[in-house]
Amino acid sequence: MPQQKSIYVIGSSNTDMVIKSDTLPLPGETVIGGDFLMNPGGKGANQAVSCAQLGGRVIFISRVGNDLFGKQSLEHYQQQHIDIQYISIDASLASGIALINVDKQGENCISVAPGANNSLTFTHVEKAFSSLQADDIVLVQLEIPFETVAQTVRMAHEKGAKVILNPAPARALPDWLYPHLYLITPNETEATLLTGIKVTDEATATAAAERLIHKGCQNVIITLGSKGALLKSKNYAGIIPPPQVKAIDTTAAGDCFNGALAVAIAEERPLEEAVRFANKAAAISVTRMGAQSSLPKRNEIVES
């Protein structure tokens, strides 16, 4: 495996409670029948585990409650060989919980109670950043307080780290943030919100990516589901298609993609090659149920 930089993942830790049924319930409707499973989730945790299972050297900065879900999460991350010394425990708030419905096409709808994730502050991050080196990778999402994200991005950039922002869940971002980003990875919905350009195809995705570059991002990847991902960088512009698979659950596919991307960048691969690697990982994940339970290991990705 190539030599790589450390990957600092700053984000949420949840427990996912998933029901898979034929259809998603409409407002006021009860859908009977289906399968239930419970496993670790949260965008930050999903991406940290994705990195670790693909061989990344991962430091995870997060916050959990002093409860059964938090204790189970910490044990799980240790089993994945993730550095958990900067995961702190909030004695007054419960660990984060996500309720997920998945239909037979693999589409989902999710409700999240953030709990202890809402008390993750930059003070927690700053302790971990005492060991951050130039060209290390910092991977962050938007399921924690935005003030924490903003200060994290600013300091990581000042230290010369490569900052990857997965802007999910979707929200507006301040203009000053974009020039601090090595890479931003919105999906179609998030790219539409950030740019005002409705992303529906390659042409509109390209226009949105160009607008994000104009805002100051060094590189842009817009994920397009089963169509793959559009990469806009100095050396490449276009859609990179994924392997074709039958999806049964898209939960955490984007997190899998971002984790795999971070590992490939930590190994100093070109961005085009990194996207191909991430596409392969995400394609495997959608053929399985669950969030972290669906994430592939390194030996499952056959590289061409």
C-alpha atoms as a PDB file:
ATOM      1  CA  MET A   1       0.000   0.000   0.000  1.00  0.00           C
ATOM      2  CA  PRO A   2       1.407   3.474  -0.854  1.00  0.00           C
ATOM      3  CA  GLN A   3       2.765   5.734   1.906  1.00  0.00           C
ATOM      4  CA  GLN A   4       0.061   8.125   3.030  1.00  0.00           C
ATOM      5  CA  LYS A   5      -0.707  11.170   5.133  1.00  0.00           C
ATOM      6  CA  SER A   6      -2.946  11.116   8.214  1.00  0.00           C
ATOM      7  CA  ILE A   7      -6.672  11.728   7.743  1.00  0.00           C
ATOM      8  CA  TYR A   8      -8.430  13.837  10.382  1.00  0.00           C
ATOM      9  CA  VAL A   9     -12.193  13.308  10.227  1.00  0.00           C
ATOM     10  CA  ILE A  10     -14.252  15.854  12.161  1.00  0.00           C
ATOM     11  CA  GLY A  11     -17.950  15.074  12.383  1.00  0.00           C
ATOM     12  CA  SER A  12     -20.969  13.325  13.797  1.00  0.00           C
ATOM     13  CA  SER A  13     -21.347   9.959  15.477  1.00  0.00           C
ATOM     14  CA  ASN A  14     -24.837   8.412  15.459  1.00  0.00           C
ATOM     15  CA  THR A  15     -26.553   5.095  15.887  1.00  0.00           C
ATOM     16  CA  ASP A  16     -28.774   4.263  12.899  1.00  0.00           C
ATOM     17  CA  MET A  17     -32.078   2.473  13.336  1.00  0.00           C
ATOM     18  CA  VAL A  18     -33.152   1.252   9.902  1.00  0.00           C
ATOM     19  CA  ILE A  19     -36.424  -0.188   8.569  1.00  0.00           C
ATOM     20  CA  LYS A  20     -36.432  -1.574   5.021  1.00  0.00           C
ATOM     21  CA  SER A  21     -39.909  -1.883   3.450  1.00  0.00           C
ATOM     22  CA  ASP A  22     -41.480  -1.849  -0.018  1.00  0.00           C
ATOM     23  CA  THR A  23     -42.359   1.857   0.084  1.00  0.00           C
ATOM     24  CA  LEU A  24     -41.466   4.929   2.118  1.00  0.00           C
ATOM     25  CA  PRO A  25     -44.378   6.076   4.340  1.00  0.00           C
ATOM     26  CA  LEU A  26     -46.315   9.178   3.317  1.00  0.00           C
ATOM     27  CA  PRO A  27     -47.201  11.765   6.002  1.00  0.00           C
ATOM     28  CA  GLY A  28     -49.687  10.138   8.375  1.00  0.00           C
ATOM     29  CA  GLU A  29     -49.217   6.683   6.829  1.00  0.00           C
ATOM     30  CA  THR A  30     -48.062   3.521   8.592  1.00  0.00           C
ATOM     31  CA  VAL A  31     -46.258   0.993   6.402  1.00  0.00           C
ATOM     32  CA  ILE A  32     -46.456  -2.559   7.803  1.00  0.00           C
ATOM     33  CA  GLY A  33     -43.825  -5.181   7.072  1.00  0.00           C
ATOM     34  CA  GLY A  34     -40.127  -4.926   6.561  1.00  0.00           C
ATOM     35  CA  ASP A  35     -36.781  -5.704   8.135  1.00  0.00           C
ATOM     36  CA  PHE A  36     -35.116  -3.876  11.034  1.00  0.00           C
ATOM     37  CA  LEU A  37     -31.443  -3.429  11.757  1.00  0.00           C
ATOM     38  CA  MET A  38     -29.404  -1.157  13.990  1.00  0.00           C
ATOM     39  CA  ASN A  39     -25.822  -0.149  13.370  1.00  0.00           C
ATOM     40  CA  PRO A  40     -23.335   2.705  13.854  1.00  0.00           C
ATOM     41  CA  GLY A  41     -23.840   5.737  11.638  1.00  0.00           C
ATOM     42  CA  GLY A  42     -23.429   9.507  11.409  1.00  0.00           C
ATOM     43  CA  LYS A  43     -21.764  11.185   8.444  1.00  0.00           C
ATOM     44  CA  GLY A  44     -18.504  11.786  10.294  1.00  0.00           C
ATOM     45  CA  ALA A  45     -18.335   8.255  11.667  1.00  0.00           C
ATOM     46  CA  ASN A  46     -19.313   6.708   8.329  1.00  0.00           C
ATOM     47  CA  GLN A  47     -16.527   8.575   6.581  1.00  0.00           C
ATOM     48  CA  ALA A  48     -13.995   7.742   9.302  1.00  0.00           C
ATOM     49  CA  VAL A  49     -14.839   4.025   9.117  1.00  0.00           C
ATOM     50  CA  SER A  50     -14.785   4.127   5.308  1.00  0.00           C
ATOM     51  CA  CYS A  51     -11.272   5.597   5.454  1.00  0.00           C
ATOM     52  CA  ALA A  52     -10.095   3.052   8.020  1.00  0.00           C
ATOM     53  CA  GLN A  53     -11.462   0.013   6.191  1.00  0.00           C
ATOM     54  CA  LEU A  54      -9.706   1.135   3.033  1.00  0.00           C
ATOM     55  CA  GLY A  55      -6.365   1.426   4.801  1.00  0.00           C
ATOM     56  CA  GLY A  56      -6.374   5.064   5.907  1.00  0.00           C
ATOM     57  CA  ARG A  57      -4.590   6.306   9.033  1.00  0.00           C
ATOM     58  CA  VAL A  58      -7.577   7.944  10.722  1.00  0.00           C
ATOM     59  CA  ILE A  59      -7.945  10.329  13.650  1.00  0.00           C
ATOM     60  CA  PHE A  60     -11.652  10.847  14.431  1.00  0.00           C
ATOM     61  CA  ILE A  61     -12.783  13.958  16.344  1.00  0.00           C
ATOM     62  CA  SER A  62     -16.365  13.630  17.552  1.00  0.00           C
ATOM     63  CA  ARG A  63     -18.611  13.654  20.627  1.00  0.00           C
ATOM     64  CA  VAL A  64     -20.908  11.002  22.102  1.00  0.00           C
ATOM     65  CA  GLY A  65     -23.217  10.729  25.103  1.00  0.00           C
ATOM     66  CA  ASN A  66     -22.509   8.815  28.297  1.00  0.00           C
ATOM     67  CA  ASP A  67     -24.897   6.041  27.286  1.00  0.00           C
ATOM     68  CA  LEU A  68     -25.008   2.565  25.768  1.00  0.00           C
ATOM     69  CA  PHE A  69     -24.978   3.895  22.194  1.00  0.00           C
ATOM     70  CA  GLY A  70     -21.904   6.030  22.865  1.00  0.00           C
ATOM     71  CA  LYS A  71     -19.993   3.185  24.526  1.00  0.00           C
ATOM     72  CA  GLN A  72     -20.834   0.797  21.690  1.00  0.00           C
ATOM     73  CA  SER A  73     -19.660   3.374  19.157  1.00  0.00           C
ATOM     74  CA  LEU A  74     -16.295   3.858  20.863  1.00  0.00           C
ATOM     75  CA  GLU A  75     -15.712   0.099  20.995  1.00  0.00           C
ATOM     76  CA  HIS A  76     -16.615  -0.183  17.322  1.00  0.00           C
ATOM     77  CA  TYR A  77     -14.214   2.578  16.249  1.00  0.00           C
ATOM     78  CA  GLN A  78     -11.390   0.958  18.217  1.00  0.00           C
ATOM     79  CA  GLN A  79     -12.082  -2.333  16.441  1.00  0.00           C
ATOM     80  CA  GLN A  80     -11.689  -0.439  13.142  1.00  0.00           C
ATOM     81  CA  HIS A  81      -8.231   0.783  14.293  1.00  0.00           C
ATOM     82  CA  ILE A  82      -9.381   4.408  14.386  1.00  0.00           C
ATOM     83  CA  ASP A  83      -7.576   6.784  16.736  1.00  0.00           C
ATOM     84  CA  ILE A  84     -10.356   7.775  19.190  1.00  0.00           C
ATOM     85  CA  GLN A  85      -8.358   9.805  21.720  1.00  0.00           C
ATOM     86  CA  TYR A  86     -10.151  12.989  20.584  1.00  0.00           C
ATOM     87  CA  ILE A  87     -13.692  11.612  20.848  1.00  0.00           C
ATOM     88  CA  SER A  88     -15.101  13.207  24.001  1.00  0.00           C
ATOM     89  CA  ILE A  89     -18.115  12.283  26.123  1.00  0.00           C
ATOM     90  CA  ASP A  90     -20.962  14.689  26.923  1.00  0.00           C
ATOM     91  CA  ALA A  91     -22.451  13.733  30.287  1.00  0.00           C
ATOM     92  CA  SER A  92     -25.633  15.760  29.758  1.00  0.00           C
ATOM     93  CA  LEU A  93     -26.690  14.900  26.184  1.00  0.00           C
ATOM     94  CA  ALA A  94     -27.597  11.574  24.588  1.00  0.00           C
ATOM     95  CA  SER A  95     -25.609  10.120  21.710  1.00  0.00           C
ATOM     96  CA  GLY A  96     -26.902  10.977  18.240  1.00  0.00           C
ATOM     97  CA  ILE A  97     -29.669   8.815  16.768  1.00  0.00           C
ATOM     98  CA  ALA A  98     -30.884   8.504  13.160  1.00  0.00           C
ATOM     99  CA  LEU A  99     -34.178   6.888  12.111  1.00  0.00           C
ATOM    100  CA  ILE A 100     -33.917   5.640   8.519  1.00  0.00           C
ATOM    101  CA  ASN A 101     -36.582   4.257   6.185  1.00  0.00           C
ATOM    102  CA  VAL A 102     -35.397   2.469   3.028  1.00  0.00           C
ATOM    103  CA  ASP A 103     -37.644   1.343   0.138  1.00  0.00           C
ATOM    104  CA  LYS A 104     -37.179  -1.555  -2.288  1.00  0.00           C
ATOM    105  CA  GLN A 105     -35.458   0.736  -4.830  1.00  0.00           C
ATOM    106  CA  GLY A 106     -32.828   1.579  -2.211  1.00  0.00           C
ATOM    107  CA  GLU A 107     -34.009   5.172  -1.727  1.00  0.00           C
ATOM    108  CA  ASN A 108     -34.197   6.465   1.835  1.00  0.00           C
ATOM    109  CA  CYS A 109     -35.523   9.178   4.123  1.00  0.00           C
ATOM    110  CA  ILE A 110     -33.798  10.022   7.398  1.00  0.00           C
ATOM    111  CA  SER A 111     -34.613  11.856  10.642  1.00  0.00           C
ATOM    112  CA  VAL A 112     -31.733  12.694  12.975  1.00  0.00           C
ATOM    113  CA  ALA A 113     -31.625  13.649  16.685  1.00  0.00           C
ATOM    114  CA  PRO A 114     -28.061  15.068  16.945  1.00  0.00           C
ATOM    115  CA  GLY A 115     -27.690  14.901  20.735  1.00  0.00           C
ATOM    116  CA  ALA A 116     -24.028  15.165  21.783  1.00  0.00           C
ATOM    117  CA  ASN A 117     -22.978  16.046  18.227  1.00  0.00           C
ATOM    118  CA  ASN A 118     -24.379  19.533  18.868  1.00  0.00           C
ATOM    119  CA  SER A 119     -21.848  20.108  21.642  1.00  0.00           C
ATOM    120  CA  LEU A 120     -18.740  19.436  19.529  1.00  0.00           C
ATOM    121  CA  THR A 121     -16.810  22.718  19.645  1.00  0.00           C
ATOM    122  CA  PHE A 122     -13.609  23.944  18.051  1.00  0.00           C
ATOM    123  CA  THR A 123     -11.876  23.531  21.424  1.00  0.00           C
ATOM    124  CA  HIS A 124     -12.220  19.770  20.959  1.00  0.00           C
ATOM    125  CA  VAL A 125     -10.824  20.000  17.428  1.00  0.00           C
ATOM    126  CA  GLU A 126      -7.954  22.305  18.374  1.00  0.00           C
ATOM    127  CA  LYS A 127      -6.508  19.692  20.745  1.00  0.00           C
ATOM    128  CA  ALA A 128      -6.326  17.171  17.909  1.00  0.00           C
ATOM    129  CA  PHE A 129      -4.825  19.716  15.515  1.00  0.00           C
ATOM    130  CA  SER A 130      -1.730  20.073  17.697  1.00  0.00           C
ATOM    131  CA  SER A 131      -0.341  17.137  15.690  1.00  0.00           C
ATOM    132  CA  LEU A 132      -1.739  18.179  12.269  1.00  0.00           C
ATOM    133  CA  GLN A 133       0.956  18.333   9.588  1.00  0.00           C
ATOM    134  CA  ALA A 134       1.070  20.154   6.260  1.00  0.00           C
ATOM    135  CA  ASP A 135      -0.527  18.038   3.504  1.00  0.00           C
ATOM    136  CA  ASP A 136      -2.440  15.885   6.010  1.00  0.00           C
ATOM    137  CA  ILE A 137      -6.086  15.459   5.033  1.00  0.00           C
ATOM    138  CA  VAL A 138      -8.927  17.112   6.957  1.00  0.00           C
ATOM    139  CA  LEU A 139     -12.371  15.722   6.076  1.00  0.00           C
ATOM    140  CA  VAL A 140     -15.408  17.521   7.480  1.00  0.00           C
ATOM    141  CA  GLN A 141     -19.193  17.554   6.950  1.00  0.00           C
ATOM    142  CA  LEU A 142     -22.123  19.657   8.232  1.00  0.00           C
ATOM    143  CA  GLU A 143     -23.804  17.457  10.876  1.00  0.00           C
ATOM    144  CA  ILE A 144     -21.997  19.342  13.667  1.00  0.00           C
ATOM    145  CA  PRO A 145     -22.328  23.047  14.627  1.00  0.00           C
ATOM    146  CA  PHE A 146     -21.320  25.229  11.700  1.00  0.00           C
ATOM    147  CA  GLU A 147     -19.159  27.494  13.856  1.00  0.00           C
ATOM    148  CA  THR A 148     -17.048  24.405  14.649  1.00  0.00           C
ATOM    149  CA  VAL A 149     -16.802  23.575  10.941  1.00  0.00           C
ATOM    150  CA  ALA A 150     -15.823  27.145  10.035  1.00  0.00           C
ATOM    151  CA  GLN A 151     -13.036  27.384  12.622  1.00  0.00           C
ATOM    152  CA  THR A 152     -11.824  23.893  11.717  1.00  0.00           C
ATOM    153  CA  VAL A 153     -11.549  24.779   8.036  1.00  0.00           C
ATOM    154  CA  ARG A 154      -9.767  28.042   8.795  1.00  0.00           C
ATOM    155  CA  MET A 155      -7.110  26.474  11.060  1.00  0.00           C
ATOM    156  CA  ALA A 156      -6.593  23.417   8.840  1.00  0.00           C
ATOM    157  CA  HIS A 157      -5.980  25.698   5.864  1.00  0.00           C
ATOM    158  CA  GLU A 158      -3.564  27.853   7.874  1.00  0.00           C
ATOM    159  CA  LYS A 159      -1.578  24.726   8.792  1.00  0.00           C
ATOM    160  CA  GLY A 160      -1.337  23.696   5.137  1.00  0.00           C
ATOM    161  CA  ALA A 161      -3.633  20.669   5.345  1.00  0.00           C
ATOM    162  CA  LYS A 162      -5.789  19.602   2.405  1.00  0.00           C
ATOM    163  CA  VAL A 163      -9.351  20.381   3.469  1.00  0.00           C
ATOM    164  CA  ILE A 164     -12.152  18.282   1.960  1.00  0.00           C
ATOM    165  CA  LEU A 165     -15.640  19.605   2.713  1.00  0.00           C
ATOM    166  CA  ASN A 166     -18.606  17.326   2.109  1.00  0.00           C
ATOM    167  CA  PRO A 167     -21.346  20.016   2.375  1.00  0.00           C
ATOM    168  CA  ALA A 168     -24.056  17.738   3.749  1.00  0.00           C
ATOM    169  CA  PRO A 169     -26.714  18.189   4.958  1.00  0.00           C
ATOM    170  CA  ALA A 170     -27.237  21.015   2.471  1.00  0.00           C
ATOM    171  CA  ARG A 171     -26.912  24.592   3.712  1.00  0.00           C
ATOM    172  CA  ALA A 172     -25.603  27.924   2.464  1.00  0.00           C
ATOM    173  CA  LEU A 173     -21.904  28.640   3.043  1.00  0.00           C
ATOM    174  CA  PRO A 174     -20.162  31.995   3.571  1.00  0.00           C
ATOM    175  CA  ASP A 175     -18.076  33.239   0.647  1.00  0.00           C
ATOM    176  CA  TRP A 176     -14.854  33.403   2.698  1.00  0.00           C
ATOM    177  CA  LEU A 177     -14.910  29.625   3.228  1.00  0.00           C
ATOM    178  CA  TYR A 178     -14.456  28.492  -0.385  1.00  0.00           C
ATOM    179  CA  PRO A 179     -10.818  29.627  -0.904  1.00  0.00           C
ATOM    180  CA  HIS A 180      -9.864  27.567   2.177  1.00  0.00           C
ATOM    181  CA  LEU A 181     -10.971  24.318   0.500  1.00  0.00           C
ATOM    182  CA  TYR A 182      -8.752  21.924  -1.391  1.00  0.00           C
ATOM    183  CA  LEU A 183     -11.894  20.079  -2.473  1.00  0.00           C
ATOM    184  CA  ILE A 184     -15.671  20.366  -2.089  1.00  0.00           C
ATOM    185  CA  THR A 185     -17.892  17.336  -2.771  1.00  0.00           C
ATOM    186  CA  PRO A 186     -21.593  18.271  -3.022  1.00  0.00           C
ATOM    187  CA  ASN A 187     -24.269  16.042  -4.504  1.00  0.00           C
ATOM    188  CA  GLU A 188     -26.762  17.432  -7.025  1.00  0.00           C
ATOM    189  CA  THR A 189     -29.078  18.911  -4.372  1.00  0.00           C
ATOM    190  CA  GLU A 190     -26.225  20.501  -2.428  1.00  0.00           C
ATOM    191  CA  ALA A 191     -24.573  21.871  -5.569  1.00  0.00           C
ATOM    192  CA  THR A 192     -27.898  23.430  -6.597  1.00  0.00           C
ATOM    193  CA  LEU A 193     -28.259  25.161  -3.225  1.00  0.00           C
ATOM    194  CA  LEU A 194     -24.650  26.401  -3.193  1.00  0.00           C
ATOM    195  CA  THR A 195     -24.626  27.778  -6.735  1.00  0.00           C
ATOM    196  CA  GLY A 196     -28.228  28.589  -7.677  1.00  0.00           C
ATOM    197  CA  ILE A 197     -27.814  26.371 -10.757  1.00  0.00           C
ATOM    198  CA  LYS A 198     -30.263  23.448 -10.828  1.00  0.00           C
ATOM    199  CA  VAL A 199     -28.072  20.408 -11.420  1.00  0.00           C
ATOM    200  CA  THR A 200     -29.833  17.855 -13.647  1.00  0.00           C
ATOM    201  CA  ASP A 201     -27.216  16.702 -16.187  1.00  0.00           C
ATOM    202  CA  GLU A 202     -23.569  17.006 -17.178  1.00  0.00           C
ATOM    203  CA  ALA A 203     -23.956  20.522 -18.599  1.00  0.00           C
ATOM    204  CA  THR A 204     -25.586  21.945 -15.471  1.00  0.00           C
ATOM    205  CA  ALA A 205     -23.204  20.037 -13.197  1.00  0.00           C
ATOM    206  CA  THR A 206     -20.269  21.513 -15.128  1.00  0.00           C
ATOM    207  CA  ALA A 207     -21.718  25.015 -14.813  1.00  0.00           C
ATOM    208  CA  ALA A 208     -22.213  24.538 -11.067  1.00  0.00           C
ATOM    209  CA  ALA A 209     -18.668  23.216 -10.660  1.00  0.00           C
ATOM    210  CA  GLU A 210     -17.270  26.206 -12.554  1.00  0.00           C
ATOM    211  CA  ARG A 211     -19.197  28.548 -10.256  1.00  0.00           C
ATOM    212  CA  LEU A 212     -17.711  26.840  -7.193  1.00  0.00           C
ATOM    213  CA  ILE A 213     -14.224  27.187  -8.713  1.00  0.00           C
ATOM    214  CA  HIS A 214     -14.987  30.878  -9.296  1.00  0.00           C
ATOM    215  CA  LYS A 215     -15.933  31.164  -5.609  1.00  0.00           C
ATOM    216  CA  GLY A 216     -12.428  30.004  -4.746  1.00  0.00           C
ATOM    217  CA  CYS A 217     -12.445  26.185  -4.391  1.00  0.00           C
ATOM    218  CA  GLN A 218      -9.305  24.558  -5.757  1.00  0.00           C
ATOM    219  CA  ASN A 219     -11.161  21.440  -6.951  1.00  0.00           C
ATOM    220  CA  VAL A 220     -14.806  20.356  -7.196  1.00  0.00           C
ATOM    221  CA  ILE A 221     -16.441  16.938  -7.348  1.00  0.00           C
ATOM    222  CA  ILE A 222     -20.224  16.810  -7.793  1.00  0.00           C
ATOM    223  CA  THR A 223     -21.580  13.341  -7.085  1.00  0.00           C
ATOM    224  CA  LEU A 224     -24.356  12.263  -9.456  1.00  0.00           C
ATOM    225  CA  GLY A 225     -25.595   8.990  -7.964  1.00  0.00           C
ATOM    226  CA  SER A 226     -25.672   6.134 -10.451  1.00  0.00           C
ATOM    227  CA  LYS A 227     -24.195   8.411 -13.156  1.00  0.00           C
ATOM    228  CA  GLY A 228     -20.917   8.744 -11.253  1.00  0.00           C
ATOM    229  CA  ALA A 229     -19.140  11.967 -10.328  1.00  0.00           C
ATOM    230  CA  LEU A 230     -18.182  15.126 -12.184  1.00  0.00           C
ATOM    231  CA  LEU A 231     -14.637  16.269 -11.475  1.00  0.00           C
ATOM    232  CA  LYS A 232     -13.486  19.819 -12.180  1.00  0.00           C
ATOM    233  CA  SER A 233      -9.803  20.466 -11.512  1.00  0.00           C
ATOM    234  CA  LYS A 234      -6.815  22.051 -13.219  1.00  0.00           C
ATOM    235  CA  ASN A 235      -6.083  18.820 -15.078  1.00  0.00           C
ATOM    236  CA  TYR A 236      -9.516  17.269 -15.632  1.00  0.00           C
ATOM    237  CA  ALA A 237     -13.113  18.245 -16.385  1.00  0.00           C
ATOM    238  CA  GLY A 238     -15.858  15.698 -16.957  1.00  0.00           C
ATOM    239  CA  ILE A 239     -17.958  12.880 -15.560  1.00  0.00           C
ATOM    240  CA  ILE A 240     -16.191   9.766 -14.312  1.00  0.00           C
ATOM    241  CA  PRO A 241     -18.720   6.881 -14.474  1.00  0.00           C
ATOM    242  CA  PRO A 242     -18.996   4.228 -11.757  1.00  0.00           C
ATOM    243  CA  PRO A 243     -19.272   0.451 -12.095  1.00  0.00           C
ATOM    244  CA  GLN A 244     -22.884  -0.556 -12.825  1.00  0.00           C
ATOM    245  CA  VAL A 245     -24.521  -2.439  -9.950  1.00  0.00           C
ATOM    246  CA  LYS A 246     -28.020  -3.171  -8.604  1.00  0.00           C
ATOM    247  CA  ALA A 247     -28.591  -0.849  -5.645  1.00  0.00           C
ATOM    248  CA  ILE A 248     -30.508  -2.157  -2.656  1.00  0.00           C
ATOM    249  CA  ASP A 249     -29.678   0.596  -0.131  1.00  0.00           C
ATOM    250  CA  THR A 250     -28.018   3.953  -0.871  1.00  0.00           C
ATOM    251  CA  THR A 251     -27.575   4.840   2.829  1.00  0.00           C
ATOM    252  CA  ALA A 252     -24.001   6.111   3.379  1.00  0.00           C
ATOM    253  CA  ALA A 253     -23.004   5.762  -0.277  1.00  0.00           C
ATOM    254  CA  GLY A 254     -21.895   9.397  -0.304  1.00  0.00           C
ATOM    255  CA  ASP A 255     -19.983   8.892   2.937  1.00  0.00           C
ATOM    256  CA  CYS A 256     -18.290   5.824   1.491  1.00  0.00           C
ATOM    257  CA  PHE A 257     -17.315   7.868  -1.574  1.00  0.00           C
ATOM    258  CA  ASN A 258     -15.847  10.688   0.524  1.00  0.00           C
ATOM    259  CA  GLY A 259     -13.923   8.310   2.784  1.00  0.00           C
ATOM    260  CA  ALA A 260     -12.440   6.456  -0.168  1.00  0.00           C
ATOM    261  CA  LEU A 261     -11.595   9.763  -1.851  1.00  0.00           C
ATOM    262  CA  ALA A 262      -9.737  10.946   1.251  1.00  0.00           C
ATOM    263  CA  VAL A 263      -7.696   7.730   1.371  1.00  0.00           C
ATOM    264  CA  ALA A 264      -6.714   8.018  -2.288  1.00  0.00           C
ATOM    265  CA  ILE A 265      -5.725  11.680  -1.827  1.00  0.00           C
ATOM    266  CA  ALA A 266      -3.739  10.773   1.303  1.00  0.00           C
ATOM    267  CA  GLU A 267      -1.871   8.296  -0.923  1.00  0.00           C
ATOM    268  CA  GLU A 268      -1.127  11.232  -3.247  1.00  0.00           C
ATOM    269  CA  ARG A 269      -3.009   9.815  -6.194  1.00  0.00           C
ATOM    270  CA  PRO A 270      -4.160  12.155  -8.986  1.00  0.00           C
ATOM    271  CA  LEU A 271      -7.731  13.347  -8.443  1.00  0.00           C
ATOM    272  CA  GLU A 272      -9.073  11.508 -11.508  1.00  0.00           C
ATOM    273  CA  GLU A 273      -7.668   8.237 -10.155  1.00  0.00           C
ATOM    274  CA  ALA A 274      -8.984   9.077  -6.666  1.00  0.00           C
ATOM    275  CA  VAL A 275     -12.513   9.515  -8.043  1.00  0.00           C
ATOM    276  CA  ARG A 276     -12.355   6.180  -9.851  1.00  0.00           C
ATOM    277  CA  PHE A 277     -11.276   4.500  -6.606  1.00  0.00           C
ATOM    278  CA  ALA A 278     -14.102   6.230  -4.684  1.00  0.00           C
ATOM    279  CA  ASN A 279     -16.657   5.269  -7.357  1.00  0.00           C
ATOM    280  CA  LYS A 280     -15.701   1.608  -6.981  1.00  0.00           C
ATOM    281  CA  ALA A 281     -16.036   1.755  -3.191  1.00  0.00           C
ATOM    282  CA  ALA A 282     -19.430   3.493  -3.318  1.00  0.00           C
ATOM    283  CA  ALA A 283     -20.717   1.031  -5.940  1.00  0.00           C
ATOM    284  CA  ILE A 284     -19.988  -1.848  -3.577  1.00  0.00           C
ATOM    285  CA  SER A 285     -21.664  -0.076  -0.646  1.00  0.00           C
ATOM    286  CA  VAL A 286     -25.044   0.352  -2.382  1.00  0.00           C
ATOM    287  CA  THR A 287     -25.334  -3.416  -2.910  1.00  0.00           C
ATOM    288  CA  ARG A 288     -25.568  -3.915   0.880  1.00  0.00           C
ATOM    289  CA  MET A 289     -27.924  -2.873   3.654  1.00  0.00           C
ATOM    290  CA  GLY A 290     -26.985  -0.320   6.289  1.00  0.00           C
ATOM    291  CA  ALA A 291     -24.479   2.461   6.738  1.00  0.00           C
ATOM    292  CA  GLN A 292     -21.158   1.287   8.157  1.00  0.00           C
ATOM    293  CA  SER A 293     -22.146  -2.340   7.653  1.00  0.00           C
ATOM    294  CA  SER A 294     -22.161  -1.670   3.891  1.00  0.00           C
ATOM    295  CA  LEU A 295     -18.683  -0.147   3.653  1.00  0.00           C
ATOM    296  CA  PRO A 296     -16.124  -2.178   1.676  1.00  0.00           C
ATOM    297  CA  LYS A 297     -12.658  -3.215   2.774  1.00  0.00           C
ATOM    298  CA  ARG A 298      -9.551  -2.521   0.720  1.00  0.00           C
ATOM    299  CA  ASN A 299      -9.236  -6.053  -0.660  1.00  0.00           C
ATOM    300  CA  GLU A 300     -12.759  -5.862  -2.127  1.00  0.00           C
ATOM    301  CA  ILE A 301     -11.852  -3.077  -4.531  1.00  0.00           C
ATOM    302  CA  VAL A 302     -10.334  -4.551  -7.664  1.00  0.00           C
ATOM    303  CA  GLU A 303      -8.262  -1.838  -9.269  1.00  0.00           C
ATOM    304  CA  SER A 304      -7.603  -1.719 -12.964  1.00  0.00           C
END
